Amino acid sequence: MEKKLDLRGLSCPVPLLETKKALEEAAVVTITVDEPAARENIIKFAKSRKYQVESSSSGGEYTLIIRK
């Protein structure tokens, strides 16, 4: 199952908490954020769990794809 989250406009810790919740339900989660700190926190969390992370940026927005 795959899940998509649009977390633009939200500041930490909300994006990280929503990401954790989504990963309980889905094996692949695609996240869009616009806060650099949220991007970094999500990447650190995913790597600490040994999940695969792909990251790209465009126009001040970041897209992260996390695979369990």
PDB file of N, CA and C in Angstrom:
ATOM      1  N   MET A   1       0.840  -1.183   0.000  1.00  0.00           N
ATOM      2  CA  MET A   1       0.000   0.000   0.000  1.00  0.00           C
ATOM      3  C   MET A   1       0.885   1.246   0.000  1.00  0.00           C
ATOM      4  N   GLU A   2       0.444   2.263  -0.713  1.00  0.00           N
ATOM      5  CA  GLU A   2       1.180   3.520  -0.800  1.00  0.00           C
ATOM      6  C   GLU A   2       0.311   4.652  -0.271  1.00  0.00           C
ATOM      7  N   LYS A   3       0.962   5.615   0.364  1.00  0.00           N
ATOM      8  CA  LYS A   3       0.232   6.747   0.922  1.00  0.00           C
ATOM      9  C   LYS A   3       0.950   8.034   0.522  1.00  0.00           C
ATOM     10  N   LYS A   4       0.179   9.106   0.272  1.00  0.00           N
ATOM     11  CA  LYS A   4       0.747  10.409  -0.074  1.00  0.00           C
ATOM     12  C   LYS A   4       0.316  11.425   0.966  1.00  0.00           C
ATOM     13  N   LEU A   5       1.281  12.230   1.409  1.00  0.00           N
ATOM     14  CA  LEU A   5       1.011  13.260   2.402  1.00  0.00           C
ATOM     15  C   LEU A   5       1.433  14.617   1.861  1.00  0.00           C
ATOM     16  N   ASP A   6       0.570  15.603   1.950  1.00  0.00           N
ATOM     17  CA  ASP A   6       0.911  16.983   1.618  1.00  0.00           C
ATOM     18  C   ASP A   6       1.000  17.734   2.938  1.00  0.00           C
ATOM     19  N   LEU A   7       2.222  17.963   3.389  1.00  0.00           N
ATOM     20  CA  LEU A   7       2.437  18.572   4.698  1.00  0.00           C
ATOM     21  C   LEU A   7       3.029  19.974   4.574  1.00  0.00           C
ATOM     22  N   ARG A   8       2.790  20.608   3.443  1.00  0.00           N
ATOM     23  CA  ARG A   8       3.267  21.977   3.242  1.00  0.00           C
ATOM     24  C   ARG A   8       2.558  22.909   4.212  1.00  0.00           C
ATOM     25  N   GLY A   9       3.307  23.883   4.721  1.00  0.00           N
ATOM     26  CA  GLY A   9       2.739  24.859   5.638  1.00  0.00           C
ATOM     27  C   GLY A   9       2.741  24.425   7.089  1.00  0.00           C
ATOM     28  N   LEU A  10       3.175  23.205   7.354  1.00  0.00           N
ATOM     29  CA  LEU A  10       3.217  22.702   8.732  1.00  0.00           C
ATOM     30  C   LEU A  10       4.651  22.720   9.240  1.00  0.00           C
ATOM     31  N   SER A  11       4.815  23.080  10.506  1.00  0.00           N
ATOM     32  CA  SER A  11       6.159  23.084  11.080  1.00  0.00           C
ATOM     33  C   SER A  11       6.314  21.923  12.051  1.00  0.00           C
ATOM     34  N   CYS A  12       7.567  21.609  12.345  1.00  0.00           N
ATOM     35  CA  CYS A  12       7.881  20.473  13.217  1.00  0.00           C
ATOM     36  C   CYS A  12       7.255  20.673  14.582  1.00  0.00           C
ATOM     37  N   PRO A  13       6.821  19.591  15.186  1.00  0.00           N
ATOM     38  CA  PRO A  13       7.033  18.199  14.828  1.00  0.00           C
ATOM     39  C   PRO A  13       5.908  17.574  14.005  1.00  0.00           C
ATOM     40  N   VAL A  14       4.932  18.357  13.562  1.00  0.00           N
ATOM     41  CA  VAL A  14       3.757  17.794  12.887  1.00  0.00           C
ATOM     42  C   VAL A  14       4.120  16.945  11.661  1.00  0.00           C
ATOM     43  N   PRO A  15       4.975  17.419  10.737  1.00  0.00           N
ATOM     44  CA  PRO A  15       5.293  16.576   9.578  1.00  0.00           C
ATOM     45  C   PRO A  15       5.910  15.227   9.962  1.00  0.00           C
ATOM     46  N   LEU A  16       6.777  15.228  10.950  1.00  0.00           N
ATOM     47  CA  LEU A  16       7.400  13.977  11.382  1.00  0.00           C
ATOM     48  C   LEU A  16       6.364  13.044  12.011  1.00  0.00           C
ATOM     49  N   LEU A  17       5.496  13.572  12.839  1.00  0.00           N
ATOM     50  CA  LEU A  17       4.466  12.743  13.476  1.00  0.00           C
ATOM     51  C   LEU A  17       3.516  12.151  12.443  1.00  0.00           C
ATOM     52  N   GLU A  18       3.124  12.945  11.457  1.00  0.00           N
ATOM     53  CA  GLU A  18       2.240  12.448  10.397  1.00  0.00           C
ATOM     54  C   GLU A  18       2.938  11.384   9.551  1.00  0.00           C
ATOM     55  N   THR A  19       4.235  11.564   9.324  1.00  0.00           N
ATOM     56  CA  THR A  19       5.011  10.578   8.565  1.00  0.00           C
ATOM     57  C   THR A  19       5.071   9.258   9.318  1.00  0.00           C
ATOM     58  N   LYS A  20       5.348   9.326  10.614  1.00  0.00           N
ATOM     59  CA  LYS A  20       5.404   8.103  11.423  1.00  0.00           C
ATOM     60  C   LYS A  20       4.070   7.361  11.376  1.00  0.00           C
ATOM     61  N   LYS A  21       2.975   8.100  11.504  1.00  0.00           N
ATOM     62  CA  LYS A  21       1.648   7.481  11.475  1.00  0.00           C
ATOM     63  C   LYS A  21       1.383   6.824  10.114  1.00  0.00           C
ATOM     64  N   ALA A  22       1.754   7.496   9.040  1.00  0.00           N
ATOM     65  CA  ALA A  22       1.536   6.950   7.696  1.00  0.00           C
ATOM     66  C   ALA A  22       2.348   5.684   7.479  1.00  0.00           C
ATOM     67  N   LEU A  23       3.560   5.635   8.026  1.00  0.00           N
ATOM     68  CA  LEU A  23       4.411   4.459   7.852  1.00  0.00           C
ATOM     69  C   LEU A  23       3.910   3.255   8.650  1.00  0.00           C
ATOM     70  N   GLU A  24       3.044   3.475   9.617  1.00  0.00           N
ATOM     71  CA  GLU A  24       2.418   2.353  10.322  1.00  0.00           C
ATOM     72  C   GLU A  24       1.404   1.658   9.416  1.00  0.00           C
ATOM     73  N   GLU A  25       0.858   2.402   8.453  1.00  0.00           N
ATOM     74  CA  GLU A  25      -0.209   1.887   7.595  1.00  0.00           C
ATOM     75  C   GLU A  25       0.249   1.524   6.191  1.00  0.00           C
ATOM     76  N   ALA A  26       1.372   2.074   5.746  1.00  0.00           N
ATOM     77  CA  ALA A  26       1.789   1.894   4.352  1.00  0.00           C
ATOM     78  C   ALA A  26       3.268   1.545   4.262  1.00  0.00           C
ATOM     79  N   ALA A  27       3.630   0.804   3.218  1.00  0.00           N
ATOM     80  CA  ALA A  27       5.026   0.425   2.993  1.00  0.00           C
ATOM     81  C   ALA A  27       5.788   1.498   2.232  1.00  0.00           C
ATOM     82  N   VAL A  28       5.057   2.331   1.488  1.00  0.00           N
ATOM     83  CA  VAL A  28       5.672   3.424   0.729  1.00  0.00           C
ATOM     84  C   VAL A  28       4.890   4.697   1.028  1.00  0.00           C
ATOM     85  N   VAL A  29       5.613   5.753   1.414  1.00  0.00           N
ATOM     86  CA  VAL A  29       4.973   7.026   1.714  1.00  0.00           C
ATOM     87  C   VAL A  29       5.684   8.125   0.932  1.00  0.00           C
ATOM     88  N   THR A  30       4.905   8.922   0.213  1.00  0.00           N
ATOM     89  CA  THR A  30       5.427  10.080  -0.507  1.00  0.00           C
ATOM     90  C   THR A  30       4.975  11.324   0.241  1.00  0.00           C
ATOM     91  N   ILE A  31       5.942  12.171   0.604  1.00  0.00           N
ATOM     92  CA  ILE A  31       5.670  13.323   1.450  1.00  0.00           C
ATOM     93  C   ILE A  31       6.118  14.588   0.740  1.00  0.00           C
ATOM     94  N   THR A  32       5.295  15.623   0.800  1.00  0.00           N
ATOM     95  CA  THR A  32       5.678  16.938   0.292  1.00  0.00           C
ATOM     96  C   THR A  32       5.702  17.900   1.470  1.00  0.00           C
ATOM     97  N   VAL A  33       6.852  18.558   1.668  1.00  0.00           N
ATOM     98  CA  VAL A  33       7.009  19.553   2.733  1.00  0.00           C
ATOM     99  C   VAL A  33       7.657  20.796   2.137  1.00  0.00           C
ATOM    100  N   ASP A  34       7.539  21.917   2.852  1.00  0.00           N
ATOM    101  CA  ASP A  34       8.198  23.138   2.399  1.00  0.00           C
ATOM    102  C   ASP A  34       9.114  23.731   3.461  1.00  0.00           C
ATOM    103  N   GLU A  35       9.329  23.008   4.522  1.00  0.00           N
ATOM    104  CA  GLU A  35      10.224  23.429   5.597  1.00  0.00           C
ATOM    105  C   GLU A  35      11.493  22.587   5.557  1.00  0.00           C
ATOM    106  N   PRO A  36      12.659  23.214   5.394  1.00  0.00           N
ATOM    107  CA  PRO A  36      13.909  22.442   5.371  1.00  0.00           C
ATOM    108  C   PRO A  36      14.117  21.601   6.635  1.00  0.00           C
ATOM    109  N   ALA A  37      13.722  22.125   7.787  1.00  0.00           N
ATOM    110  CA  ALA A  37      13.896  21.376   9.036  1.00  0.00           C
ATOM    111  C   ALA A  37      13.031  20.117   9.037  1.00  0.00           C
ATOM    112  N   ALA A  38      11.824  20.215   8.514  1.00  0.00           N
ATOM    113  CA  ALA A  38      10.945  19.040   8.438  1.00  0.00           C
ATOM    114  C   ALA A  38      11.567  17.993   7.531  1.00  0.00           C
ATOM    115  N   ARG A  39      12.107  18.429   6.395  1.00  0.00           N
ATOM    116  CA  ARG A  39      12.768  17.507   5.462  1.00  0.00           C
ATOM    117  C   ARG A  39      13.899  16.764   6.162  1.00  0.00           C
ATOM    118  N   GLU A  40      14.759  17.506   6.851  1.00  0.00           N
ATOM    119  CA  GLU A  40      15.904  16.887   7.529  1.00  0.00           C
ATOM    120  C   GLU A  40      15.461  15.924   8.621  1.00  0.00           C
ATOM    121  N   ASN A  41      14.475  16.316   9.408  1.00  0.00           N
ATOM    122  CA  ASN A  41      14.001  15.448  10.493  1.00  0.00           C
ATOM    123  C   ASN A  41      13.392  14.154   9.959  1.00  0.00           C
ATOM    124  N   ILE A  42      12.647  14.244   8.880  1.00  0.00           N
ATOM    125  CA  ILE A  42      12.037  13.047   8.295  1.00  0.00           C
ATOM    126  C   ILE A  42      13.112  12.129   7.727  1.00  0.00           C
ATOM    127  N   ILE A  43      14.106  12.710   7.055  1.00  0.00           N
ATOM    128  CA  ILE A  43      15.201  11.898   6.508  1.00  0.00           C
ATOM    129  C   ILE A  43      15.964  11.199   7.629  1.00  0.00           C
ATOM    130  N   LYS A  44      16.292  11.925   8.695  1.00  0.00           N
ATOM    131  CA  LYS A  44      17.010  11.318   9.828  1.00  0.00           C
ATOM    132  C   LYS A  44      16.208  10.176  10.441  1.00  0.00           C
ATOM    133  N   PHE A  45      14.909  10.392  10.625  1.00  0.00           N
ATOM    134  CA  PHE A  45      14.056   9.345  11.180  1.00  0.00           C
ATOM    135  C   PHE A  45      14.064   8.111  10.288  1.00  0.00           C
ATOM    136  N   ALA A  46      13.854   8.310   8.990  1.00  0.00           N
ATOM    137  CA  ALA A  46      13.784   7.180   8.055  1.00  0.00           C
ATOM    138  C   ALA A  46      15.092   6.399   8.037  1.00  0.00           C
ATOM    139  N   LYS A  47      16.205   7.098   8.016  1.00  0.00           N
ATOM    140  CA  LYS A  47      17.503   6.417   7.998  1.00  0.00           C
ATOM    141  C   LYS A  47      17.750   5.667   9.300  1.00  0.00           C
ATOM    142  N   SER A  48      17.271   6.211  10.421  1.00  0.00           N
ATOM    143  CA  SER A  48      17.454   5.526  11.704  1.00  0.00           C
ATOM    144  C   SER A  48      16.687   4.209  11.744  1.00  0.00           C
ATOM    145  N   ARG A  49      15.624   4.113  10.946  1.00  0.00           N
ATOM    146  CA  ARG A  49      14.829   2.889  10.855  1.00  0.00           C
ATOM    147  C   ARG A  49      15.267   1.998   9.698  1.00  0.00           C
ATOM    148  N   LYS A  50      16.333   2.411   9.002  1.00  0.00           N
ATOM    149  CA  LYS A  50      16.879   1.658   7.854  1.00  0.00           C
ATOM    150  C   LYS A  50      15.910   1.622   6.676  1.00  0.00           C
ATOM    151  N   TYR A  51      15.058   2.640   6.553  1.00  0.00           N
ATOM    152  CA  TYR A  51      14.164   2.757   5.409  1.00  0.00           C
ATOM    153  C   TYR A  51      14.925   3.407   4.259  1.00  0.00           C
ATOM    154  N   GLN A  52      14.503   3.133   3.042  1.00  0.00           N
ATOM    155  CA  GLN A  52      15.083   3.783   1.868  1.00  0.00           C
ATOM    156  C   GLN A  52      14.423   5.152   1.712  1.00  0.00           C
ATOM    157  N   VAL A  53      15.248   6.164   1.404  1.00  0.00           N
ATOM    158  CA  VAL A  53      14.729   7.521   1.255  1.00  0.00           C
ATOM    159  C   VAL A  53      15.223   8.123  -0.055  1.00  0.00           C
ATOM    160  N   GLU A  54      14.296   8.668  -0.819  1.00  0.00           N
ATOM    161  CA  GLU A  54      14.634   9.456  -2.003  1.00  0.00           C
ATOM    162  C   GLU A  54      14.140  10.869  -1.732  1.00  0.00           C
ATOM    163  N   SER A  55      14.967  11.857  -2.086  1.00  0.00           N
ATOM    164  CA  SER A  55      14.606  13.242  -1.835  1.00  0.00           C
ATOM    165  C   SER A  55      14.862  14.080  -3.078  1.00  0.00           C
ATOM    166  N   SER A  56      13.928  14.963  -3.375  1.00  0.00           N
ATOM    167  CA  SER A  56      14.122  15.917  -4.465  1.00  0.00           C
ATOM    168  C   SER A  56      13.515  17.250  -4.042  1.00  0.00           C
ATOM    169  N   SER A  57      13.964  18.323  -4.693  1.00  0.00           N
ATOM    170  CA  SER A  57      13.428  19.637  -4.361  1.00  0.00           C
ATOM    171  C   SER A  57      13.116  20.409  -5.631  1.00  0.00           C
ATOM    172  N   SER A  58      12.124  21.278  -5.510  1.00  0.00           N
ATOM    173  CA  SER A  58      11.728  22.108  -6.640  1.00  0.00           C
ATOM    174  C   SER A  58      10.967  23.316  -6.111  1.00  0.00           C
ATOM    175  N   GLY A  59      11.459  24.494  -6.403  1.00  0.00           N
ATOM    176  CA  GLY A  59      10.742  25.714  -6.032  1.00  0.00           C
ATOM    177  C   GLY A  59      10.470  25.873  -4.557  1.00  0.00           C
ATOM    178  N   GLY A  60      11.395  25.466  -3.703  1.00  0.00           N
ATOM    179  CA  GLY A  60      11.212  25.609  -2.263  1.00  0.00           C
ATOM    180  C   GLY A  60      10.379  24.518  -1.624  1.00  0.00           C
ATOM    181  N   GLU A  61      10.006  23.516  -2.405  1.00  0.00           N
ATOM    182  CA  GLU A  61       9.275  22.370  -1.864  1.00  0.00           C
ATOM    183  C   GLU A  61      10.137  21.125  -1.985  1.00  0.00           C
ATOM    184  N   TYR A  62       9.953  20.226  -1.046  1.00  0.00           N
ATOM    185  CA  TYR A  62      10.728  18.989  -1.011  1.00  0.00           C
ATOM    186  C   TYR A  62       9.775  17.804  -1.108  1.00  0.00           C
ATOM    187  N   THR A  63      10.151  16.854  -1.937  1.00  0.00           N
ATOM    188  CA  THR A  63       9.384  15.618  -2.047  1.00  0.00           C
ATOM    189  C   THR A  63      10.257  14.478  -1.557  1.00  0.00           C
ATOM    190  N   LEU A  64       9.738  13.722  -0.620  1.00  0.00           N
ATOM    191  CA  LEU A  64      10.449  12.584  -0.047  1.00  0.00           C
ATOM    192  C   LEU A  64       9.641  11.328  -0.325  1.00  0.00           C
ATOM    193  N   ILE A  65      10.335  10.286  -0.745  1.00  0.00           N
ATOM    194  CA  ILE A  65       9.699   8.983  -0.916  1.00  0.00           C
ATOM    195  C   ILE A  65      10.400   8.027   0.034  1.00  0.00           C
ATOM    196  N   ILE A  66       9.637   7.458   0.942  1.00  0.00           N
ATOM    197  CA  ILE A  66      10.188   6.540   1.940  1.00  0.00           C
ATOM    198  C   ILE A  66       9.619   5.155   1.675  1.00  0.00           C
ATOM    199  N   ARG A  67      10.533   4.187   1.618  1.00  0.00           N
ATOM    200  CA  ARG A  67      10.134   2.786   1.421  1.00  0.00           C
ATOM    201  C   ARG A  67      10.643   1.969   2.598  1.00  0.00           C
ATOM    202  N   LYS A  68       9.749   1.180   3.170  1.00  0.00           N
ATOM    203  CA  LYS A  68      10.138   0.305   4.276  1.00  0.00           C
ATOM    204  C   LYS A  68      10.922  -0.871   3.756  1.00  0.00           C
TER     205      LYS A  68
END
